[in-house]
Amino acid sequence: MVDIVDKATRSRMMAGIKGRNTKPELVLRRALHARGFRYRLHAKNVTGRPDLVLPRYRAVIFVHGCFWHRHVGCRYTTTPATRPEFWQAKFSANVARDIAVRDSLLESGWRVATVWECALRRPEQVEAVARLLSDWLRTEMADIEIGEQDLALKG
């Protein structure tokens, strides 16, 4: 299958995809800050450079895009029709790296939260995620994963 745009246009489009300070990350940061939580952003000295680091709670939060990090069962986890082998290799590498980073952080005593982009699409979802994270941070649970389907289960 042939790409519908030329190579230069595709390159420019791909370069525009941000790795940090994404919209889902910004809305979550605002909601947590409003709840009184203070954090560091993309700390270089923490494995995987998590989106948010809360040293007081020895916790990190990753805000994952459903497409790039392959949120299982999510409607936003699609695979492009062009060059499927390339995309499968890319997605597999992303998932393997995510697992390795998470395991490394847990082994070194960090608590890990993964918040999926699909759970941060509407204001009421953002508030629900902030509430769940707030409750989690005050417990001793090692990890938590929050996706859109998790919010539906909890009302």
N, C-alpha and C. Protein backbone atom coordinates (compact mmCIF):
# COMPACT_ATOMS: atom_id res chain seq x y z
N MET A 1 0.84 -1.17 0.00
CA MET A 1 0.00 0.00 0.00
C MET A 1 0.89 1.25 0.00
N VAL A 2 0.48 2.27 -0.70
CA VAL A 2 1.26 3.48 -0.86
C VAL A 2 0.74 4.57 0.07
N ASP A 3 1.66 5.33 0.64
CA ASP A 3 1.30 6.45 1.51
C ASP A 3 0.59 7.52 0.68
N ILE A 4 -0.40 8.19 1.27
CA ILE A 4 -1.16 9.18 0.52
C ILE A 4 -0.49 10.56 0.51
N VAL A 5 0.57 10.73 1.27
CA VAL A 5 1.32 11.99 1.26
C VAL A 5 2.77 11.70 0.91
N ASP A 6 3.47 12.72 0.44
CA ASP A 6 4.87 12.52 0.06
C ASP A 6 5.74 12.36 1.31
N LYS A 7 6.97 11.92 1.09
CA LYS A 7 7.87 11.58 2.20
C LYS A 7 8.15 12.79 3.10
N ALA A 8 8.35 13.96 2.51
CA ALA A 8 8.64 15.17 3.30
C ALA A 8 7.44 15.55 4.18
N THR A 9 6.24 15.46 3.63
CA THR A 9 5.03 15.79 4.41
C THR A 9 4.85 14.80 5.54
N ARG A 10 5.03 13.51 5.27
CA ARG A 10 4.90 12.49 6.32
C ARG A 10 5.94 12.73 7.41
N SER A 11 7.14 13.06 7.04
CA SER A 11 8.20 13.33 8.01
C SER A 11 7.81 14.52 8.90
N ARG A 12 7.30 15.58 8.31
CA ARG A 12 6.88 16.75 9.07
C ARG A 12 5.73 16.40 10.01
N MET A 13 4.79 15.58 9.53
CA MET A 13 3.66 15.17 10.36
C MET A 13 4.14 14.36 11.56
N MET A 14 5.03 13.42 11.33
CA MET A 14 5.53 12.57 12.41
C MET A 14 6.36 13.37 13.41
N ALA A 15 7.11 14.36 12.92
CA ALA A 15 7.93 15.20 13.79
C ALA A 15 7.06 16.04 14.73
N GLY A 16 5.81 16.27 14.33
CA GLY A 16 4.89 17.06 15.14
C GLY A 16 4.28 16.31 16.30
N ILE A 17 4.52 15.01 16.37
CA ILE A 17 3.97 14.21 17.46
C ILE A 17 4.86 14.40 18.68
N LYS A 18 4.27 14.95 19.74
CA LYS A 18 5.04 15.28 20.92
C LYS A 18 5.20 14.08 21.84
N GLY A 19 6.32 14.07 22.55
CA GLY A 19 6.58 13.00 23.52
C GLY A 19 6.35 13.45 24.94
N ARG A 20 6.26 14.76 25.15
CA ARG A 20 6.01 15.28 26.49
C ARG A 20 5.14 16.52 26.38
N ASN A 21 4.56 16.88 27.51
CA ASN A 21 3.63 18.01 27.56
C ASN A 21 2.48 17.86 26.58
N THR A 22 2.01 16.62 26.47
CA THR A 22 0.86 16.35 25.60
C THR A 22 -0.41 16.84 26.29
N LYS A 23 -1.47 16.95 25.53
CA LYS A 23 -2.74 17.42 26.10
C LYS A 23 -3.21 16.54 27.27
N PRO A 24 -3.21 15.20 27.12
CA PRO A 24 -3.63 14.36 28.26
C PRO A 24 -2.75 14.59 29.50
N GLU A 25 -1.45 14.74 29.27
CA GLU A 25 -0.54 14.97 30.39
C GLU A 25 -0.84 16.31 31.08
N LEU A 26 -1.07 17.34 30.29
CA LEU A 26 -1.34 18.67 30.85
C LEU A 26 -2.63 18.70 31.67
N VAL A 27 -3.69 18.06 31.18
CA VAL A 27 -4.95 18.08 31.94
C VAL A 27 -4.82 17.30 33.24
N LEU A 28 -4.06 16.21 33.23
CA LEU A 28 -3.86 15.45 34.46
C LEU A 28 -3.00 16.26 35.44
N ARG A 29 -1.96 16.90 34.95
CA ARG A 29 -1.11 17.72 35.81
C ARG A 29 -1.93 18.82 36.49
N ARG A 30 -2.78 19.49 35.72
CA ARG A 30 -3.64 20.54 36.29
C ARG A 30 -4.54 19.98 37.39
N ALA A 31 -5.15 18.84 37.13
CA ALA A 31 -6.08 18.25 38.10
C ALA A 31 -5.36 17.83 39.38
N LEU A 32 -4.17 17.25 39.25
CA LEU A 32 -3.43 16.83 40.45
C LEU A 32 -2.91 18.04 41.22
N HIS A 33 -2.45 19.05 40.51
CA HIS A 33 -1.96 20.26 41.17
C HIS A 33 -3.09 20.93 41.95
N ALA A 34 -4.28 20.96 41.37
CA ALA A 34 -5.45 21.55 42.04
C ALA A 34 -5.79 20.79 43.31
N ARG A 35 -5.45 19.52 43.36
CA ARG A 35 -5.70 18.69 44.56
C ARG A 35 -4.56 18.80 45.57
N GLY A 36 -3.58 19.63 45.28
CA GLY A 36 -2.50 19.88 46.24
C GLY A 36 -1.24 19.04 46.03
N PHE A 37 -1.21 18.24 44.99
CA PHE A 37 -0.02 17.41 44.75
C PHE A 37 1.05 18.21 44.03
N ARG A 38 2.30 18.03 44.45
CA ARG A 38 3.43 18.68 43.80
C ARG A 38 4.33 17.59 43.24
N TYR A 39 4.88 17.86 42.09
CA TYR A 39 5.61 16.82 41.36
C TYR A 39 6.72 17.43 40.54
N ARG A 40 7.59 16.56 40.07
CA ARG A 40 8.64 16.95 39.13
C ARG A 40 8.26 16.38 37.78
N LEU A 41 8.69 17.06 36.72
CA LEU A 41 8.36 16.62 35.37
C LEU A 41 9.56 15.96 34.70
N HIS A 42 9.35 14.79 34.13
CA HIS A 42 10.33 14.11 33.29
C HIS A 42 11.72 14.07 33.94
N ALA A 43 11.79 13.67 35.19
CA ALA A 43 13.05 13.66 35.93
C ALA A 43 14.08 12.76 35.25
N LYS A 44 15.21 13.33 34.91
CA LYS A 44 16.26 12.60 34.20
C LYS A 44 16.90 11.52 35.07
N ASN A 45 16.85 11.70 36.38
CA ASN A 45 17.51 10.75 37.28
C ASN A 45 16.62 9.58 37.69
N VAL A 46 15.42 9.49 37.12
CA VAL A 46 14.51 8.37 37.41
C VAL A 46 14.37 7.53 36.14
N THR A 47 14.52 6.24 36.28
CA THR A 47 14.43 5.32 35.15
C THR A 47 13.18 5.58 34.31
N GLY A 48 13.35 5.70 33.01
CA GLY A 48 12.23 5.88 32.10
C GLY A 48 11.74 7.30 31.96
N ARG A 49 12.32 8.24 32.70
CA ARG A 49 11.90 9.65 32.68
C ARG A 49 10.38 9.77 32.73
N PRO A 50 9.76 9.35 33.84
CA PRO A 50 8.29 9.38 33.94
C PRO A 50 7.73 10.79 33.71
N ASP A 51 6.49 10.85 33.28
CA ASP A 51 5.84 12.14 33.04
C ASP A 51 5.75 12.95 34.33
N LEU A 52 5.40 12.29 35.42
CA LEU A 52 5.31 12.95 36.72
C LEU A 52 6.04 12.11 37.76
N VAL A 53 6.80 12.77 38.60
CA VAL A 53 7.49 12.10 39.70
C VAL A 53 7.06 12.79 40.99
N LEU A 54 6.53 12.00 41.92
CA LEU A 54 6.10 12.53 43.21
C LEU A 54 7.02 11.95 44.29
N PRO A 55 8.17 12.59 44.54
CA PRO A 55 9.16 12.03 45.48
C PRO A 55 8.59 11.80 46.88
N ARG A 56 7.71 12.67 47.33
CA ARG A 56 7.13 12.54 48.67
C ARG A 56 6.43 11.19 48.85
N TYR A 57 5.84 10.69 47.78
CA TYR A 57 5.09 9.43 47.82
C TYR A 57 5.90 8.28 47.22
N ARG A 58 7.12 8.59 46.79
CA ARG A 58 7.97 7.62 46.09
C ARG A 58 7.18 6.96 44.94
N ALA A 59 6.51 7.84 44.18
CA ALA A 59 5.63 7.37 43.11
C ALA A 59 5.91 8.11 41.81
N VAL A 60 5.67 7.41 40.71
CA VAL A 60 5.79 8.00 39.38
C VAL A 60 4.48 7.74 38.62
N ILE A 61 4.20 8.64 37.68
CA ILE A 61 3.00 8.50 36.86
C ILE A 61 3.39 8.62 35.40
N PHE A 62 2.99 7.63 34.62
CA PHE A 62 3.17 7.67 33.17
C PHE A 62 1.80 7.94 32.55
N VAL A 63 1.75 8.87 31.60
CA VAL A 63 0.53 9.11 30.83
C VAL A 63 0.82 8.55 29.45
N HIS A 64 0.23 7.39 29.17
CA HIS A 64 0.51 6.69 27.91
C HIS A 64 -0.56 6.94 26.86
N GLY A 65 -0.12 7.16 25.64
CA GLY A 65 -1.03 7.23 24.51
C GLY A 65 -1.45 5.81 24.14
N CYS A 66 -2.73 5.61 23.97
CA CYS A 66 -3.26 4.27 23.68
C CYS A 66 -2.69 3.70 22.39
N PHE A 67 -2.51 4.55 21.38
CA PHE A 67 -1.99 4.11 20.09
C PHE A 67 -0.54 3.67 20.20
N TRP A 68 0.32 4.52 20.74
CA TRP A 68 1.76 4.25 20.76
C TRP A 68 2.15 3.17 21.75
N HIS A 69 1.45 3.07 22.87
CA HIS A 69 1.82 2.12 23.92
C HIS A 69 0.92 0.89 23.96
N ARG A 70 0.00 0.79 23.00
CA ARG A 70 -0.83 -0.41 22.79
C ARG A 70 -1.70 -0.78 23.98
N HIS A 71 -2.62 0.09 24.32
CA HIS A 71 -3.57 -0.17 25.40
C HIS A 71 -4.48 -1.32 24.98
N VAL A 72 -4.35 -2.44 25.62
CA VAL A 72 -5.08 -3.66 25.26
C VAL A 72 -6.59 -3.45 25.38
N GLY A 73 -7.30 -3.78 24.32
CA GLY A 73 -8.75 -3.70 24.31
C GLY A 73 -9.31 -2.31 24.09
N CYS A 74 -8.46 -1.34 23.85
CA CYS A 74 -8.92 0.04 23.68
C CYS A 74 -9.25 0.32 22.22
N ARG A 75 -10.27 1.10 22.01
CA ARG A 75 -10.70 1.42 20.64
C ARG A 75 -9.70 2.32 19.92
N TYR A 76 -8.81 2.97 20.66
CA TYR A 76 -7.82 3.85 20.04
C TYR A 76 -6.53 3.11 19.67
N THR A 77 -6.46 1.83 19.98
CA THR A 77 -5.28 1.03 19.65
C THR A 77 -5.48 0.42 18.28
N THR A 78 -5.21 1.23 17.27
CA THR A 78 -5.35 0.77 15.88
C THR A 78 -3.97 0.55 15.29
N THR A 79 -3.93 -0.15 14.18
CA THR A 79 -2.67 -0.37 13.48
C THR A 79 -2.82 0.15 12.05
N PRO A 80 -1.90 1.03 11.63
CA PRO A 80 -1.97 1.54 10.26
C PRO A 80 -1.90 0.42 9.24
N ALA A 81 -2.59 0.60 8.13
CA ALA A 81 -2.62 -0.42 7.08
C ALA A 81 -1.33 -0.45 6.28
N THR A 82 -0.63 0.68 6.21
CA THR A 82 0.62 0.71 5.46
C THR A 82 1.76 0.20 6.32
N ARG A 83 2.63 -0.58 5.73
CA ARG A 83 3.84 -1.11 6.38
C ARG A 83 3.55 -1.76 7.74
N PRO A 84 2.67 -2.76 7.77
CA PRO A 84 2.30 -3.37 9.06
C PRO A 84 3.47 -4.00 9.82
N GLU A 85 4.47 -4.52 9.10
CA GLU A 85 5.62 -5.14 9.78
C GLU A 85 6.40 -4.07 10.56
N PHE A 86 6.61 -2.92 9.94
CA PHE A 86 7.30 -1.81 10.61
C PHE A 86 6.56 -1.41 11.88
N TRP A 87 5.24 -1.23 11.76
CA TRP A 87 4.46 -0.78 12.90
C TRP A 87 4.44 -1.82 14.02
N GLN A 88 4.33 -3.09 13.63
CA GLN A 88 4.31 -4.13 14.65
C GLN A 88 5.62 -4.16 15.43
N ALA A 89 6.74 -4.01 14.71
CA ALA A 89 8.05 -3.99 15.38
C ALA A 89 8.15 -2.77 16.30
N LYS A 90 7.70 -1.63 15.83
CA LYS A 90 7.74 -0.40 16.63
C LYS A 90 6.90 -0.55 17.90
N PHE A 91 5.67 -1.02 17.72
CA PHE A 91 4.78 -1.18 18.87
C PHE A 91 5.32 -2.21 19.86
N SER A 92 5.86 -3.31 19.35
CA SER A 92 6.42 -4.34 20.23
C SER A 92 7.58 -3.80 21.05
N ALA A 93 8.43 -2.99 20.42
CA ALA A 93 9.56 -2.39 21.13
C ALA A 93 9.06 -1.44 22.21
N ASN A 94 8.03 -0.64 21.91
CA ASN A 94 7.47 0.29 22.89
C ASN A 94 6.93 -0.47 24.10
N VAL A 95 6.17 -1.52 23.85
CA VAL A 95 5.57 -2.30 24.94
C VAL A 95 6.65 -2.97 25.77
N ALA A 96 7.65 -3.55 25.12
CA ALA A 96 8.74 -4.21 25.85
C ALA A 96 9.48 -3.20 26.72
N ARG A 97 9.74 -2.01 26.19
CA ARG A 97 10.43 -0.97 26.96
C ARG A 97 9.57 -0.54 28.15
N ASP A 98 8.27 -0.37 27.94
CA ASP A 98 7.36 0.02 29.03
C ASP A 98 7.40 -1.00 30.16
N ILE A 99 7.37 -2.28 29.81
CA ILE A 99 7.40 -3.34 30.82
C ILE A 99 8.72 -3.33 31.57
N ALA A 100 9.83 -3.20 30.85
CA ALA A 100 11.16 -3.18 31.48
C ALA A 100 11.30 -1.99 32.42
N VAL A 101 10.83 -0.82 32.00
CA VAL A 101 10.93 0.38 32.84
C VAL A 101 10.07 0.22 34.09
N ARG A 102 8.85 -0.26 33.91
CA ARG A 102 7.95 -0.46 35.05
C ARG A 102 8.55 -1.44 36.07
N ASP A 103 9.05 -2.58 35.57
CA ASP A 103 9.66 -3.58 36.45
C ASP A 103 10.87 -3.02 37.19
N SER A 104 11.70 -2.27 36.48
CA SER A 104 12.89 -1.68 37.09
C SER A 104 12.51 -0.69 38.19
N LEU A 105 11.51 0.14 37.94
CA LEU A 105 11.07 1.11 38.94
C LEU A 105 10.50 0.40 40.18
N LEU A 106 9.67 -0.61 39.96
CA LEU A 106 9.10 -1.35 41.09
C LEU A 106 10.19 -2.03 41.91
N GLU A 107 11.18 -2.62 41.24
CA GLU A 107 12.29 -3.28 41.93
C GLU A 107 13.11 -2.30 42.76
N SER A 108 13.20 -1.06 42.30
CA SER A 108 13.99 -0.08 43.05
C SER A 108 13.15 0.72 44.05
N GLY A 109 11.93 0.25 44.32
CA GLY A 109 11.14 0.83 45.39
C GLY A 109 10.19 1.94 44.99
N TRP A 110 10.09 2.23 43.72
CA TRP A 110 9.14 3.24 43.27
C TRP A 110 7.76 2.61 43.10
N ARG A 111 6.73 3.40 43.28
CA ARG A 111 5.36 2.98 42.98
C ARG A 111 5.03 3.55 41.61
N VAL A 112 4.31 2.78 40.80
CA VAL A 112 4.11 3.15 39.40
C VAL A 112 2.63 3.21 39.04
N ALA A 113 2.23 4.35 38.48
CA ALA A 113 0.86 4.50 37.96
C ALA A 113 0.94 4.71 36.45
N THR A 114 0.09 4.00 35.74
CA THR A 114 -0.03 4.18 34.30
C THR A 114 -1.44 4.68 34.03
N VAL A 115 -1.53 5.87 33.44
CA VAL A 115 -2.82 6.44 33.09
C VAL A 115 -2.89 6.48 31.57
N TRP A 116 -3.93 5.87 31.03
CA TRP A 116 -4.08 5.80 29.58
C TRP A 116 -4.81 7.04 29.08
N GLU A 117 -4.41 7.48 27.92
CA GLU A 117 -4.97 8.66 27.26
C GLU A 117 -6.50 8.61 27.17
N CYS A 118 -7.07 7.44 26.93
CA CYS A 118 -8.52 7.31 26.76
C CYS A 118 -9.28 7.69 28.03
N ALA A 119 -8.61 7.64 29.18
CA ALA A 119 -9.26 7.97 30.45
C ALA A 119 -9.24 9.46 30.74
N LEU A 120 -8.63 10.25 29.84
CA LEU A 120 -8.48 11.68 30.08
C LEU A 120 -9.12 12.53 28.99
N ARG A 121 -10.11 12.00 28.32
CA ARG A 121 -10.71 12.70 27.18
C ARG A 121 -11.79 13.70 27.57
N ARG A 122 -12.49 13.46 28.67
CA ARG A 122 -13.58 14.36 29.08
C ARG A 122 -13.29 14.89 30.49
N PRO A 123 -13.75 16.10 30.80
CA PRO A 123 -13.47 16.70 32.12
C PRO A 123 -13.88 15.81 33.30
N GLU A 124 -15.03 15.16 33.19
CA GLU A 124 -15.46 14.30 34.31
C GLU A 124 -14.55 13.08 34.46
N GLN A 125 -13.98 12.62 33.34
CA GLN A 125 -13.03 11.51 33.41
C GLN A 125 -11.75 11.97 34.10
N VAL A 126 -11.29 13.16 33.77
CA VAL A 126 -10.06 13.69 34.36
C VAL A 126 -10.23 13.77 35.88
N GLU A 127 -11.37 14.26 36.32
CA GLU A 127 -11.62 14.34 37.77
C GLU A 127 -11.64 12.95 38.41
N ALA A 128 -12.25 11.99 37.73
CA ALA A 128 -12.29 10.63 38.27
C ALA A 128 -10.88 10.04 38.36
N VAL A 129 -10.06 10.28 37.34
CA VAL A 129 -8.68 9.79 37.35
C VAL A 129 -7.90 10.46 38.48
N ALA A 130 -8.06 11.76 38.64
CA ALA A 130 -7.36 12.48 39.71
C ALA A 130 -7.77 11.95 41.08
N ARG A 131 -9.05 11.63 41.23
CA ARG A 131 -9.54 11.06 42.49
C ARG A 131 -8.93 9.69 42.75
N LEU A 132 -8.90 8.84 41.71
CA LEU A 132 -8.30 7.51 41.86
C LEU A 132 -6.82 7.60 42.20
N LEU A 133 -6.11 8.50 41.52
CA LEU A 133 -4.68 8.66 41.79
C LEU A 133 -4.45 9.20 43.19
N SER A 134 -5.27 10.14 43.59
CA SER A 134 -5.17 10.73 44.93
C SER A 134 -5.34 9.64 45.99
N ASP A 135 -6.34 8.80 45.81
CA ASP A 135 -6.57 7.69 46.74
C ASP A 135 -5.39 6.72 46.71
N TRP A 136 -4.90 6.40 45.52
CA TRP A 136 -3.78 5.46 45.37
C TRP A 136 -2.52 5.98 46.05
N LEU A 137 -2.24 7.27 45.86
CA LEU A 137 -1.02 7.84 46.45
C LEU A 137 -1.02 7.75 47.97
N ARG A 138 -2.19 7.73 48.56
CA ARG A 138 -2.29 7.68 50.02
C ARG A 138 -2.30 6.25 50.56
N THR A 139 -2.17 5.27 49.66
CA THR A 139 -2.10 3.87 50.08
C THR A 139 -0.66 3.37 49.95
N GLU A 140 -0.49 2.09 50.15
CA GLU A 140 0.83 1.47 49.98
C GLU A 140 0.88 0.61 48.72
N MET A 141 -0.20 0.64 47.91
CA MET A 141 -0.23 -0.17 46.69
C MET A 141 0.95 0.17 45.79
N ALA A 142 1.57 -0.86 45.23
CA ALA A 142 2.76 -0.65 44.40
C ALA A 142 2.44 -0.06 43.04
N ASP A 143 1.34 -0.47 42.44
CA ASP A 143 1.05 0.05 41.10
C ASP A 143 -0.45 0.12 40.84
N ILE A 144 -0.77 0.90 39.82
CA ILE A 144 -2.16 1.07 39.41
C ILE A 144 -2.15 1.40 37.92
N GLU A 145 -3.18 0.94 37.23
CA GLU A 145 -3.35 1.24 35.81
C GLU A 145 -4.78 1.74 35.63
N ILE A 146 -4.91 2.89 34.96
CA ILE A 146 -6.23 3.49 34.82
C ILE A 146 -6.50 3.78 33.34
N GLY A 147 -7.53 3.11 32.83
CA GLY A 147 -7.98 3.33 31.46
C GLY A 147 -9.46 3.69 31.48
N GLU A 148 -9.99 4.00 30.32
CA GLU A 148 -11.39 4.39 30.22
C GLU A 148 -12.31 3.32 30.80
N GLN A 149 -12.01 2.04 30.52
CA GLN A 149 -12.87 0.96 31.02
C GLN A 149 -12.82 0.86 32.55
N ASP A 150 -11.71 1.28 33.18
CA ASP A 150 -11.62 1.26 34.63
C ASP A 150 -12.53 2.32 35.25
N LEU A 151 -12.68 3.42 34.55
CA LEU A 151 -13.56 4.48 35.05
C LEU A 151 -15.02 4.06 34.95
N ALA A 152 -15.35 3.33 33.89
CA ALA A 152 -16.73 2.86 33.71
C ALA A 152 -17.11 1.89 34.82
N LEU A 153 -16.17 1.06 35.24
CA LEU A 153 -16.45 0.08 36.29
C LEU A 153 -16.69 0.76 37.64
N LYS A 154 -16.01 1.88 37.86
CA LYS A 154 -16.10 2.54 39.15
C LYS A 154 -17.16 3.62 39.19
N GLY A 155 -17.90 3.76 38.07
CA GLY A 155 -19.00 4.71 38.05
C GLY A 155 -18.53 6.05 37.69
